[in-house]
């Protein structure tokens, strides 16, 4: 008998502090940086974002999202034998944020590790968990995307600091004899490493390099509009589906124009997606998970799409 994985519960968490574009514009103006609500909305569709308070870390956000996902799945933390946390902003260099989360949940003893694939992190983690369940290495997996991007933003750069926020999304996967995750299409292209990066690291007890986010927006846009469609079509072929079978596309992408372009190429109504114009947030590896939870009650067949490196999952 073939073994599959199915999503049985979803959860998300956003920190209480919500900044509208007007709020952020006022804060930036106080430092001498000019931008506007119109400028942000026209280029991204984003109208607000959430930032954590001092002393709150990725594992704290992940803990809240995980609790919500477990409750939705009607499972206890002790049922989980695999935890993967997709994050680019871990609590510490080590141990992994997944291990810290495991201890907070009281789910000690199972497999726990982090996945650092930035924007594609959640779908990479979902694909790994799917594979481990299919091979029998795990029976019940908790996959979490959690980021505190506000701590790596350059608030002197209006082209990046308006895009990102903090939050977490989680899903519970369980072994099943009925297909759930149908296919994944994962890619990376290291030659584009310089167009979106945080070129800093820890050395000798200090941070060296430049530990804030850098982005070549035009280069990211040009790359994303091509690879997002290509990966989506590849995943659909693997799943034996066509674009007509898609009810919801959840693009992991901050730019509404990239989302609309992809939807148009796939002949999807605009907007059949998890983060339409006026969305609140974008935060590294967790957006796909949070958007998945937000649309779960309406979703039947979904194409999760993330771009930076490229990864796609198609699920029932």
C-alpha atoms as a PDB file:
ATOM      1  CA  UNK A   1       0.000   0.000   0.000  1.00  0.00           C
ATOM      2  CA  UNK A   2       1.347   3.445  -0.947  1.00  0.00           C
ATOM      3  CA  UNK A   3       1.925   5.924   1.859  1.00  0.00           C
ATOM      4  CA  UNK A   4       1.147   9.631   1.468  1.00  0.00           C
ATOM      5  CA  UNK A   5       1.097  12.747   3.627  1.00  0.00           C
ATOM      6  CA  UNK A   6      -1.914  14.972   4.153  1.00  0.00           C
ATOM      7  CA  UNK A   7      -2.284  18.361   5.817  1.00  0.00           C
ATOM      8  CA  UNK A   8      -4.703  17.883   8.706  1.00  0.00           C
ATOM      9  CA  UNK A   9      -4.359  21.237  10.443  1.00  0.00           C
ATOM     10  CA  UNK A  10      -3.098  24.769   9.842  1.00  0.00           C
ATOM     11  CA  UNK A  11      -2.262  27.648  12.145  1.00  0.00           C
ATOM     12  CA  UNK A  12      -0.700  31.089  12.056  1.00  0.00           C
ATOM     13  CA  UNK A  13       0.367  33.883  14.354  1.00  0.00           C
ATOM     14  CA  UNK A  14       1.089  37.577  13.857  1.00  0.00           C
ATOM     15  CA  UNK A  15       2.573  39.701  16.648  1.00  0.00           C
ATOM     16  CA  UNK A  16       0.192  42.302  18.079  1.00  0.00           C
ATOM     17  CA  UNK A  17       2.043  45.388  16.840  1.00  0.00           C
ATOM     18  CA  UNK A  18       0.590  46.268  13.436  1.00  0.00           C
ATOM     19  CA  UNK A  19       1.980  49.156  11.418  1.00  0.00           C
ATOM     20  CA  UNK A  20      -0.081  50.537   8.590  1.00  0.00           C
ATOM     21  CA  UNK A  21       1.741  52.180   5.713  1.00  0.00           C
ATOM     22  CA  UNK A  22       0.838  55.540   7.262  1.00  0.00           C
ATOM     23  CA  UNK A  23       2.381  54.463  10.577  1.00  0.00           C
ATOM     24  CA  UNK A  24       5.580  53.316   8.898  1.00  0.00           C
ATOM     25  CA  UNK A  25       5.765  56.414   6.692  1.00  0.00           C
ATOM     26  CA  UNK A  26       5.574  58.606   9.816  1.00  0.00           C
ATOM     27  CA  UNK A  27       8.319  56.628  11.582  1.00  0.00           C
ATOM     28  CA  UNK A  28      10.591  56.761   8.540  1.00  0.00           C
ATOM     29  CA  UNK A  29       9.949  60.478   8.039  1.00  0.00           C
ATOM     30  CA  UNK A  30      11.216  61.096  11.561  1.00  0.00           C
ATOM     31  CA  UNK A  31      14.561  59.654  10.450  1.00  0.00           C
ATOM     32  CA  UNK A  32      14.646  61.645   7.228  1.00  0.00           C
ATOM     33  CA  UNK A  33      13.489  58.889   4.854  1.00  0.00           C
ATOM     34  CA  UNK A  34      10.620  59.820   2.554  1.00  0.00           C
ATOM     35  CA  UNK A  35       8.029  57.402   1.164  1.00  0.00           C
ATOM     36  CA  UNK A  36       4.230  57.252   0.984  1.00  0.00           C
ATOM     37  CA  UNK A  37       1.281  54.919   1.208  1.00  0.00           C
ATOM     38  CA  UNK A  38       0.620  55.404  -2.506  1.00  0.00           C
ATOM     39  CA  UNK A  39       4.223  54.522  -3.405  1.00  0.00           C
ATOM     40  CA  UNK A  40       4.116  51.305  -1.345  1.00  0.00           C
ATOM     41  CA  UNK A  41       0.669  50.150  -2.488  1.00  0.00           C
ATOM     42  CA  UNK A  42       1.324  50.878  -6.167  1.00  0.00           C
ATOM     43  CA  UNK A  43       4.495  48.775  -6.194  1.00  0.00           C
ATOM     44  CA  UNK A  44       3.567  45.978  -3.790  1.00  0.00           C
ATOM     45  CA  UNK A  45      -0.103  45.945  -2.791  1.00  0.00           C
ATOM     46  CA  UNK A  46       1.006  45.921   0.861  1.00  0.00           C
ATOM     47  CA  UNK A  47      -0.911  48.152   3.263  1.00  0.00           C
ATOM     48  CA  UNK A  48       0.410  47.001   6.668  1.00  0.00           C
ATOM     49  CA  UNK A  49       2.893  44.715   8.412  1.00  0.00           C
ATOM     50  CA  UNK A  50       3.428  43.293  11.916  1.00  0.00           C
ATOM     51  CA  UNK A  51       6.601  43.728  13.996  1.00  0.00           C
ATOM     52  CA  UNK A  52       7.610  41.859  17.155  1.00  0.00           C
ATOM     53  CA  UNK A  53       8.342  43.493  20.492  1.00  0.00           C
ATOM     54  CA  UNK A  54      11.778  43.415  22.064  1.00  0.00           C
ATOM     55  CA  UNK A  55      12.589  40.008  23.521  1.00  0.00           C
ATOM     56  CA  UNK A  56      10.310  38.085  21.128  1.00  0.00           C
ATOM     57  CA  UNK A  57      12.018  35.593  18.823  1.00  0.00           C
ATOM     58  CA  UNK A  58      11.180  33.275  15.932  1.00  0.00           C
ATOM     59  CA  UNK A  59      10.548  30.334  18.284  1.00  0.00           C
ATOM     60  CA  UNK A  60       7.961  32.393  20.180  1.00  0.00           C
ATOM     61  CA  UNK A  61       6.024  33.118  16.978  1.00  0.00           C
ATOM     62  CA  UNK A  62       6.441  29.503  15.859  1.00  0.00           C
ATOM     63  CA  UNK A  63       5.106  28.274  19.209  1.00  0.00           C
ATOM     64  CA  UNK A  64       1.862  30.208  18.834  1.00  0.00           C
ATOM     65  CA  UNK A  65       1.356  29.132  15.207  1.00  0.00           C
ATOM     66  CA  UNK A  66       2.159  25.510  16.095  1.00  0.00           C
ATOM     67  CA  UNK A  67      -0.371  25.487  18.943  1.00  0.00           C
ATOM     68  CA  UNK A  68      -3.050  26.761  16.586  1.00  0.00           C
ATOM     69  CA  UNK A  69      -2.177  24.164  13.952  1.00  0.00           C
ATOM     70  CA  UNK A  70      -2.202  21.316  16.476  1.00  0.00           C
ATOM     71  CA  UNK A  71      -5.563  22.466  17.815  1.00  0.00           C
ATOM     72  CA  UNK A  72      -6.990  22.588  14.292  1.00  0.00           C
ATOM     73  CA  UNK A  73      -5.639  19.077  13.659  1.00  0.00           C
ATOM     74  CA  UNK A  74      -7.003  17.787  16.984  1.00  0.00           C
ATOM     75  CA  UNK A  75      -3.529  16.497  17.844  1.00  0.00           C
ATOM     76  CA  UNK A  76      -1.305  16.834  20.897  1.00  0.00           C
ATOM     77  CA  UNK A  77       2.298  17.985  20.728  1.00  0.00           C
ATOM     78  CA  UNK A  78       3.319  14.519  21.917  1.00  0.00           C
ATOM     79  CA  UNK A  79       1.862  13.047  18.711  1.00  0.00           C
ATOM     80  CA  UNK A  80       4.470  14.912  16.644  1.00  0.00           C
ATOM     81  CA  UNK A  81       7.623  12.969  15.766  1.00  0.00           C
ATOM     82  CA  UNK A  82       9.092  15.466  13.265  1.00  0.00           C
ATOM     83  CA  UNK A  83       9.457  19.245  13.541  1.00  0.00           C
ATOM     84  CA  UNK A  84      10.947  21.337  10.744  1.00  0.00           C
ATOM     85  CA  UNK A  85      11.201  25.099  11.167  1.00  0.00           C
ATOM     86  CA  UNK A  86      11.887  27.153   8.057  1.00  0.00           C
ATOM     87  CA  UNK A  87      13.606  30.356   9.166  1.00  0.00           C
ATOM     88  CA  UNK A  88      16.324  32.784   8.157  1.00  0.00           C
ATOM     89  CA  UNK A  89      16.136  34.550  11.516  1.00  0.00           C
ATOM     90  CA  UNK A  90      16.807  31.802  14.093  1.00  0.00           C
ATOM     91  CA  UNK A  91      16.829  32.470  17.824  1.00  0.00           C
ATOM     92  CA  UNK A  92      20.484  31.459  18.031  1.00  0.00           C
ATOM     93  CA  UNK A  93      23.344  30.236  15.859  1.00  0.00           C
ATOM     94  CA  UNK A  94      22.558  26.891  17.476  1.00  0.00           C
ATOM     95  CA  UNK A  95      20.686  24.921  18.740  1.00  0.00           C
ATOM     96  CA  UNK A  96      18.106  25.022  15.984  1.00  0.00           C
ATOM     97  CA  UNK A  97      14.899  26.992  16.407  1.00  0.00           C
ATOM     98  CA  UNK A  98      13.116  23.669  15.816  1.00  0.00           C
ATOM     99  CA  UNK A  99      14.757  22.196  18.916  1.00  0.00           C
ATOM    100  CA  UNK A 100      13.822  25.263  20.949  1.00  0.00           C
ATOM    101  CA  UNK A 101      10.243  24.992  19.662  1.00  0.00           C
ATOM    102  CA  UNK A 102      10.160  21.263  20.402  1.00  0.00           C
ATOM    103  CA  UNK A 103      11.041  21.936  24.031  1.00  0.00           C
ATOM    104  CA  UNK A 104       8.462  24.731  24.357  1.00  0.00           C
ATOM    105  CA  UNK A 105       5.781  22.391  23.016  1.00  0.00           C
ATOM    106  CA  UNK A 106       6.832  19.508  25.262  1.00  0.00           C
ATOM    107  CA  UNK A 107       7.284  17.269  22.225  1.00  0.00           C
ATOM    108  CA  UNK A 108      10.817  16.190  23.115  1.00  0.00           C
ATOM    109  CA  UNK A 109      12.437  13.132  21.602  1.00  0.00           C
ATOM    110  CA  UNK A 110      11.515  13.254  17.936  1.00  0.00           C
ATOM    111  CA  UNK A 111      13.369  14.641  14.920  1.00  0.00           C
ATOM    112  CA  UNK A 112      13.832  18.426  14.898  1.00  0.00           C
ATOM    113  CA  UNK A 113      15.861  20.656  12.599  1.00  0.00           C
ATOM    114  CA  UNK A 114      15.782  23.990  10.793  1.00  0.00           C
ATOM    115  CA  UNK A 115      15.504  24.614   7.057  1.00  0.00           C
ATOM    116  CA  UNK A 116      17.328  27.736   5.827  1.00  0.00           C
ATOM    117  CA  UNK A 117      16.056  28.387   2.327  1.00  0.00           C
ATOM    118  CA  UNK A 118      14.794  31.950   2.905  1.00  0.00           C
ATOM    119  CA  UNK A 119      11.745  32.709   0.745  1.00  0.00           C
ATOM    120  CA  UNK A 120      11.348  29.112  -0.373  1.00  0.00           C
ATOM    121  CA  UNK A 121      11.902  27.762   3.126  1.00  0.00           C
ATOM    122  CA  UNK A 122       8.338  26.745   3.922  1.00  0.00           C
ATOM    123  CA  UNK A 123       7.795  24.784   0.713  1.00  0.00           C
ATOM    124  CA  UNK A 124      11.259  23.184   0.967  1.00  0.00           C
ATOM    125  CA  UNK A 125      10.396  22.131   4.523  1.00  0.00           C
ATOM    126  CA  UNK A 126       6.969  20.888   3.451  1.00  0.00           C
ATOM    127  CA  UNK A 127       8.545  18.790   0.700  1.00  0.00           C
ATOM    128  CA  UNK A 128      11.131  17.283   3.078  1.00  0.00           C
ATOM    129  CA  UNK A 129       8.437  16.423   5.633  1.00  0.00           C
ATOM    130  CA  UNK A 130       6.307  14.897   2.872  1.00  0.00           C
ATOM    131  CA  UNK A 131       9.227  12.720   1.768  1.00  0.00           C
ATOM    132  CA  UNK A 132      10.026  11.603   5.325  1.00  0.00           C
ATOM    133  CA  UNK A 133       6.418  10.603   5.932  1.00  0.00           C
ATOM    134  CA  UNK A 134       6.261   8.726   2.619  1.00  0.00           C
ATOM    135  CA  UNK A 135       9.377   6.720   3.551  1.00  0.00           C
ATOM    136  CA  UNK A 136       8.062   5.941   7.040  1.00  0.00           C
ATOM    137  CA  UNK A 137      10.718   8.019   8.822  1.00  0.00           C
ATOM    138  CA  UNK A 138       7.944  10.054  10.485  1.00  0.00           C
ATOM    139  CA  UNK A 139       4.219   9.672  11.076  1.00  0.00           C
ATOM    140  CA  UNK A 140       3.144  13.127  12.216  1.00  0.00           C
ATOM    141  CA  UNK A 141       5.087  16.228  11.180  1.00  0.00           C
ATOM    142  CA  UNK A 142       4.870  19.849  12.235  1.00  0.00           C
ATOM    143  CA  UNK A 143       6.190  22.251   9.592  1.00  0.00           C
ATOM    144  CA  UNK A 144       6.562  25.887  10.604  1.00  0.00           C
ATOM    145  CA  UNK A 145       7.739  28.976   8.771  1.00  0.00           C
ATOM    146  CA  UNK A 146       8.728  31.683  11.253  1.00  0.00           C
ATOM    147  CA  UNK A 147      10.583  34.950  10.732  1.00  0.00           C
ATOM    148  CA  UNK A 148      11.579  38.093  12.587  1.00  0.00           C
ATOM    149  CA  UNK A 149      12.679  40.031   9.542  1.00  0.00           C
ATOM    150  CA  UNK A 150      12.261  43.396  11.260  1.00  0.00           C
ATOM    151  CA  UNK A 151      15.649  42.805  12.940  1.00  0.00           C
ATOM    152  CA  UNK A 152      17.550  42.447   9.669  1.00  0.00           C
ATOM    153  CA  UNK A 153      15.964  45.331   7.756  1.00  0.00           C
ATOM    154  CA  UNK A 154      17.767  48.499   6.719  1.00  0.00           C
ATOM    155  CA  UNK A 155      15.341  51.250   7.676  1.00  0.00           C
ATOM    156  CA  UNK A 156      17.355  53.682   5.574  1.00  0.00           C
ATOM    157  CA  UNK A 157      16.381  51.763   2.420  1.00  0.00           C
ATOM    158  CA  UNK A 158      12.762  52.400   1.493  1.00  0.00           C
ATOM    159  CA  UNK A 159      12.853  49.800  -1.309  1.00  0.00           C
ATOM    160  CA  UNK A 160      13.209  46.950   1.216  1.00  0.00           C
ATOM    161  CA  UNK A 161      12.102  48.071   4.673  1.00  0.00           C
ATOM    162  CA  UNK A 162       8.498  48.555   3.533  1.00  0.00           C
ATOM    163  CA  UNK A 163       8.209  44.985   2.247  1.00  0.00           C
ATOM    164  CA  UNK A 164       8.905  42.724   5.190  1.00  0.00           C
ATOM    165  CA  UNK A 165       7.338  41.879   8.536  1.00  0.00           C
ATOM    166  CA  UNK A 166       7.283  39.274  11.302  1.00  0.00           C
ATOM    167  CA  UNK A 167       5.062  36.248  11.871  1.00  0.00           C
ATOM    168  CA  UNK A 168       4.667  32.487  11.635  1.00  0.00           C
ATOM    169  CA  UNK A 169       2.572  29.895   9.823  1.00  0.00           C
ATOM    170  CA  UNK A 170       2.349  26.167  10.535  1.00  0.00           C
ATOM    171  CA  UNK A 171       0.840  22.963   9.196  1.00  0.00           C
ATOM    172  CA  UNK A 172       0.462  19.490  10.666  1.00  0.00           C
ATOM    173  CA  UNK A 173       1.118  16.642   8.229  1.00  0.00           C
ATOM    174  CA  UNK A 174       0.110  13.054   8.913  1.00  0.00           C
ATOM    175  CA  UNK A 175       0.623   9.745   7.138  1.00  0.00           C
ATOM    176  CA  UNK A 176      -2.365   8.645   5.055  1.00  0.00           C
ATOM    177  CA  UNK A 177      -3.340   6.108   2.418  1.00  0.00           C
ATOM    178  CA  UNK A 178      -5.039   8.958   0.501  1.00  0.00           C
ATOM    179  CA  UNK A 179      -2.923  11.419  -1.529  1.00  0.00           C
ATOM    180  CA  UNK A 180      -2.622  14.896  -0.042  1.00  0.00           C
ATOM    181  CA  UNK A 181       0.552  16.592  -1.245  1.00  0.00           C
ATOM    182  CA  UNK A 182       0.556  15.648  -4.915  1.00  0.00           C
ATOM    183  CA  UNK A 183       3.860  17.047  -6.184  1.00  0.00           C
ATOM    184  CA  UNK A 184       6.698  19.436  -5.487  1.00  0.00           C
ATOM    185  CA  UNK A 185       9.084  21.204  -7.841  1.00  0.00           C
ATOM    186  CA  UNK A 186      12.188  22.569  -6.108  1.00  0.00           C
ATOM    187  CA  UNK A 187      15.017  24.603  -7.610  1.00  0.00           C
ATOM    188  CA  UNK A 188      17.812  27.009  -6.718  1.00  0.00           C
ATOM    189  CA  UNK A 189      20.234  29.064  -8.808  1.00  0.00           C
ATOM    190  CA  UNK A 190      23.311  30.217  -6.936  1.00  0.00           C
ATOM    191  CA  UNK A 191      24.396  32.679  -9.592  1.00  0.00           C
ATOM    192  CA  UNK A 192      21.704  35.053  -8.347  1.00  0.00           C
ATOM    193  CA  UNK A 193      23.054  35.064  -4.793  1.00  0.00           C
ATOM    194  CA  UNK A 194      23.786  38.776  -4.836  1.00  0.00           C
ATOM    195  CA  UNK A 195      20.344  40.080  -5.801  1.00  0.00           C
ATOM    196  CA  UNK A 196      18.737  39.249  -2.448  1.00  0.00           C
ATOM    197  CA  UNK A 197      20.977  38.604   0.548  1.00  0.00           C
ATOM    198  CA  UNK A 198      22.113  39.518   4.051  1.00  0.00           C
ATOM    199  CA  UNK A 199      25.916  39.627   3.642  1.00  0.00           C
ATOM    200  CA  UNK A 200      26.910  39.422   7.301  1.00  0.00           C
ATOM    201  CA  UNK A 201      28.115  36.737   9.708  1.00  0.00           C
ATOM    202  CA  UNK A 202      29.430  36.179  13.220  1.00  0.00           C
ATOM    203  CA  UNK A 203      33.192  36.058  13.719  1.00  0.00           C
ATOM    204  CA  UNK A 204      35.309  36.461  16.834  1.00  0.00           C
ATOM    205  CA  UNK A 205      32.339  37.407  18.960  1.00  0.00           C
ATOM    206  CA  UNK A 206      31.196  40.206  16.659  1.00  0.00           C
ATOM    207  CA  UNK A 207      29.054  40.677  13.571  1.00  0.00           C
ATOM    208  CA  UNK A 208      31.135  41.234  10.458  1.00  0.00           C
ATOM    209  CA  UNK A 209      30.083  42.246   6.977  1.00  0.00           C
ATOM    210  CA  UNK A 210      26.723  43.958   6.520  1.00  0.00           C
ATOM    211  CA  UNK A 211      24.007  42.211   8.575  1.00  0.00           C
ATOM    212  CA  UNK A 212      20.978  43.837   6.947  1.00  0.00           C
ATOM    213  CA  UNK A 213      18.898  42.809   3.938  1.00  0.00           C
ATOM    214  CA  UNK A 214      20.073  43.900   0.486  1.00  0.00           C
ATOM    215  CA  UNK A 215      17.946  43.557  -2.645  1.00  0.00           C
ATOM    216  CA  UNK A 216      18.183  44.430  -6.304  1.00  0.00           C
ATOM    217  CA  UNK A 217      14.465  44.873  -6.822  1.00  0.00           C
ATOM    218  CA  UNK A 218      14.461  44.989 -10.618  1.00  0.00           C
ATOM    219  CA  UNK A 219      16.599  41.845 -10.887  1.00  0.00           C
ATOM    220  CA  UNK A 220      14.367  39.966  -8.442  1.00  0.00           C
ATOM    221  CA  UNK A 221      11.274  41.052 -10.374  1.00  0.00           C
ATOM    222  CA  UNK A 222      12.652  39.913 -13.732  1.00  0.00           C
ATOM    223  CA  UNK A 223      13.688  36.544 -12.295  1.00  0.00           C
ATOM    224  CA  UNK A 224      10.469  35.955 -10.379  1.00  0.00           C
ATOM    225  CA  UNK A 225       8.023  36.580 -13.212  1.00  0.00           C
ATOM    226  CA  UNK A 226       9.676  33.832 -15.242  1.00  0.00           C
ATOM    227  CA  UNK A 227      10.551  31.113 -12.753  1.00  0.00           C
ATOM    228  CA  UNK A 228       7.269  31.308 -10.839  1.00  0.00           C
ATOM    229  CA  UNK A 229       5.240  30.330 -13.885  1.00  0.00           C
ATOM    230  CA  UNK A 230       7.778  27.699 -15.005  1.00  0.00           C
ATOM    231  CA  UNK A 231       7.874  25.984 -11.622  1.00  0.00           C
ATOM    232  CA  UNK A 232       4.094  26.100 -11.252  1.00  0.00           C
ATOM    233  CA  UNK A 233       3.603  24.387 -14.610  1.00  0.00           C
ATOM    234  CA  UNK A 234       6.273  21.780 -13.800  1.00  0.00           C
ATOM    235  CA  UNK A 235       4.594  20.917 -10.505  1.00  0.00           C
ATOM    236  CA  UNK A 236       1.197  20.662 -12.164  1.00  0.00           C
ATOM    237  CA  UNK A 237       2.604  18.244 -14.746  1.00  0.00           C
ATOM    238  CA  UNK A 238       4.125  16.107 -11.979  1.00  0.00           C
ATOM    239  CA  UNK A 239       0.770  16.095 -10.196  1.00  0.00           C
ATOM    240  CA  UNK A 240      -1.142  15.199 -13.362  1.00  0.00           C
ATOM    241  CA  UNK A 241      -3.104  18.453 -13.154  1.00  0.00           C
ATOM    242  CA  UNK A 242      -3.619  21.556 -15.274  1.00  0.00           C
ATOM    243  CA  UNK A 243      -4.127  25.198 -14.392  1.00  0.00           C
ATOM    244  CA  UNK A 244      -7.882  24.596 -14.688  1.00  0.00           C
ATOM    245  CA  UNK A 245      -7.675  22.374 -11.590  1.00  0.00           C
ATOM    246  CA  UNK A 246      -6.303  25.184  -9.386  1.00  0.00           C
ATOM    247  CA  UNK A 247      -8.742  26.746  -6.942  1.00  0.00           C
ATOM    248  CA  UNK A 248      -6.156  28.776  -5.032  1.00  0.00           C
ATOM    249  CA  UNK A 249      -2.627  29.883  -5.798  1.00  0.00           C
ATOM    250  CA  UNK A 250      -0.636  31.092  -2.783  1.00  0.00           C
ATOM    251  CA  UNK A 251       2.401  32.910  -4.179  1.00  0.00           C
ATOM    252  CA  UNK A 252       5.159  33.579  -1.703  1.00  0.00           C
ATOM    253  CA  UNK A 253       5.862  37.009  -3.060  1.00  0.00           C
ATOM    254  CA  UNK A 254       5.636  40.579  -1.782  1.00  0.00           C
ATOM    255  CA  UNK A 255       4.961  42.214  -5.136  1.00  0.00           C
ATOM    256  CA  UNK A 256       1.344  42.250  -6.283  1.00  0.00           C
ATOM    257  CA  UNK A 257       2.452  42.807  -9.891  1.00  0.00           C
ATOM    258  CA  UNK A 258       4.393  39.524  -9.886  1.00  0.00           C
ATOM    259  CA  UNK A 259       1.360  37.723  -8.459  1.00  0.00           C
ATOM    260  CA  UNK A 260      -0.970  39.221 -11.034  1.00  0.00           C
ATOM    261  CA  UNK A 261       1.437  38.437 -13.874  1.00  0.00           C
ATOM    262  CA  UNK A 262       1.688  34.798 -12.826  1.00  0.00           C
ATOM    263  CA  UNK A 263      -2.074  34.472 -12.366  1.00  0.00           C
ATOM    264  CA  UNK A 264      -2.592  35.891 -15.847  1.00  0.00           C
ATOM    265  CA  UNK A 265      -0.086  33.481 -17.410  1.00  0.00           C
ATOM    266  CA  UNK A 266      -1.795  30.553 -15.686  1.00  0.00           C
ATOM    267  CA  UNK A 267      -5.185  31.907 -16.802  1.00  0.00           C
ATOM    268  CA  UNK A 268      -6.381  32.246 -13.214  1.00  0.00           C
ATOM    269  CA  UNK A 269      -8.910  34.875 -12.155  1.00  0.00           C
ATOM    270  CA  UNK A 270      -7.238  37.905 -10.604  1.00  0.00           C
ATOM    271  CA  UNK A 271      -6.955  37.444  -7.804  1.00  0.00           C
ATOM    272  CA  UNK A 272      -7.190  33.699  -7.004  1.00  0.00           C
ATOM    273  CA  UNK A 273      -4.460  33.884  -4.404  1.00  0.00           C
ATOM    274  CA  UNK A 274      -3.653  33.820  -0.741  1.00  0.00           C
ATOM    275  CA  UNK A 275      -2.258  37.359  -0.487  1.00  0.00           C
ATOM    276  CA  UNK A 276      -4.287  39.789  -2.600  1.00  0.00           C
ATOM    277  CA  UNK A 277      -3.824  43.524  -2.883  1.00  0.00           C
ATOM    278  CA  UNK A 278      -4.166  45.110   0.522  1.00  0.00           C
ATOM    279  CA  UNK A 279      -2.436  42.178   2.219  1.00  0.00           C
ATOM    280  CA  UNK A 280      -0.905  42.794   5.605  1.00  0.00           C
ATOM    281  CA  UNK A 281       2.466  41.150   5.410  1.00  0.00           C
ATOM    282  CA  UNK A 282       5.398  39.467   3.815  1.00  0.00           C
ATOM    283  CA  UNK A 283       8.002  37.740   5.963  1.00  0.00           C
ATOM    284  CA  UNK A 284      10.600  35.448   4.523  1.00  0.00           C
ATOM    285  CA  UNK A 285       9.945  31.740   4.826  1.00  0.00           C
ATOM    286  CA  UNK A 286       6.627  31.876   6.593  1.00  0.00           C
ATOM    287  CA  UNK A 287       4.272  33.682   4.234  1.00  0.00           C
ATOM    288  CA  UNK A 288       3.137  30.595   2.350  1.00  0.00           C
ATOM    289  CA  UNK A 289       2.283  28.886   5.630  1.00  0.00           C
ATOM    290  CA  UNK A 290       0.394  31.870   7.007  1.00  0.00           C
ATOM    291  CA  UNK A 291      -1.495  32.452   3.770  1.00  0.00           C
ATOM    292  CA  UNK A 292      -2.318  28.751   3.639  1.00  0.00           C
ATOM    293  CA  UNK A 293      -3.910  28.995   7.069  1.00  0.00           C
ATOM    294  CA  UNK A 294      -5.810  32.166   6.164  1.00  0.00           C
ATOM    295  CA  UNK A 295      -7.354  30.496   3.101  1.00  0.00           C
ATOM    296  CA  UNK A 296      -7.707  26.981   4.526  1.00  0.00           C
ATOM    297  CA  UNK A 297     -11.461  27.169   5.035  1.00  0.00           C
ATOM    298  CA  UNK A 298     -11.943  28.018   1.339  1.00  0.00           C
ATOM    299  CA  UNK A 299      -9.177  25.936  -0.210  1.00  0.00           C
ATOM    300  CA  UNK A 300      -9.498  22.618  -2.051  1.00  0.00           C
ATOM    301  CA  UNK A 301      -6.563  22.339  -4.473  1.00  0.00           C
ATOM    302  CA  UNK A 302      -3.730  24.761  -3.961  1.00  0.00           C
ATOM    303  CA  UNK A 303      -0.511  25.694  -5.736  1.00  0.00           C
ATOM    304  CA  UNK A 304       2.028  27.087  -3.232  1.00  0.00           C
ATOM    305  CA  UNK A 305       4.610  29.146  -5.085  1.00  0.00           C
ATOM    306  CA  UNK A 306       7.752  30.731  -3.684  1.00  0.00           C
ATOM    307  CA  UNK A 307      10.440  32.620  -5.538  1.00  0.00           C
ATOM    308  CA  UNK A 308      14.058  33.433  -4.693  1.00  0.00           C
ATOM    309  CA  UNK A 309      15.224  30.006  -5.211  1.00  0.00           C
ATOM    310  CA  UNK A 310      12.085  28.420  -6.662  1.00  0.00           C
ATOM    311  CA  UNK A 311       9.825  25.793  -5.133  1.00  0.00           C
ATOM    312  CA  UNK A 312       6.270  24.716  -5.807  1.00  0.00           C
ATOM    313  CA  UNK A 313       3.971  22.288  -4.031  1.00  0.00           C
ATOM    314  CA  UNK A 314       0.565  21.158  -5.301  1.00  0.00           C
ATOM    315  CA  UNK A 315      -1.813  19.809  -2.652  1.00  0.00           C
ATOM    316  CA  UNK A 316      -5.355  18.576  -2.311  1.00  0.00           C
END
